[in-house]
């Protein structure tokens, strides 16, 4: 399906969403149904396979950090970013503008999903951008 979709619409239109749960040090399993169902698939193997099927980017959500507001799962996001050459979007765990800055300072992620800190007005988009700028991370103000 992924290859057919990429051939029909172009790779830039195909984003793979991966829900990942830690199953050991530097090992993650692909989950489904909001992290309730195991697939017994290794996250790194799955994103590499999906890349070979011409996806254009990967959205990685850490089941372990989702909703915690304690920061992104940097080992997971870093491992995925190293495993593929397509864009990687980090999701799950942002609790502050500093968490977003830490992500981009330490990991080669291309984007960050920051739902709750914006929805619940923990910080604003402007605050996130100003923090990134202050920390030397390129961003349009």
Foldseek 3Di string as FASTA:
>chain_A
DLLVCCVVPNQLPAEAEFEWEDPDVLWIFTADDLRPGGDPDTPLVVLLVSVVSRHQEYEYEYSVQAPVLQAFPQSVQQSNVVSDVHAYETEGHNNDLVSVLVNVVPHVHDYYDDPPCPVVVVDHPVRSQVVNVVSPHDDDD
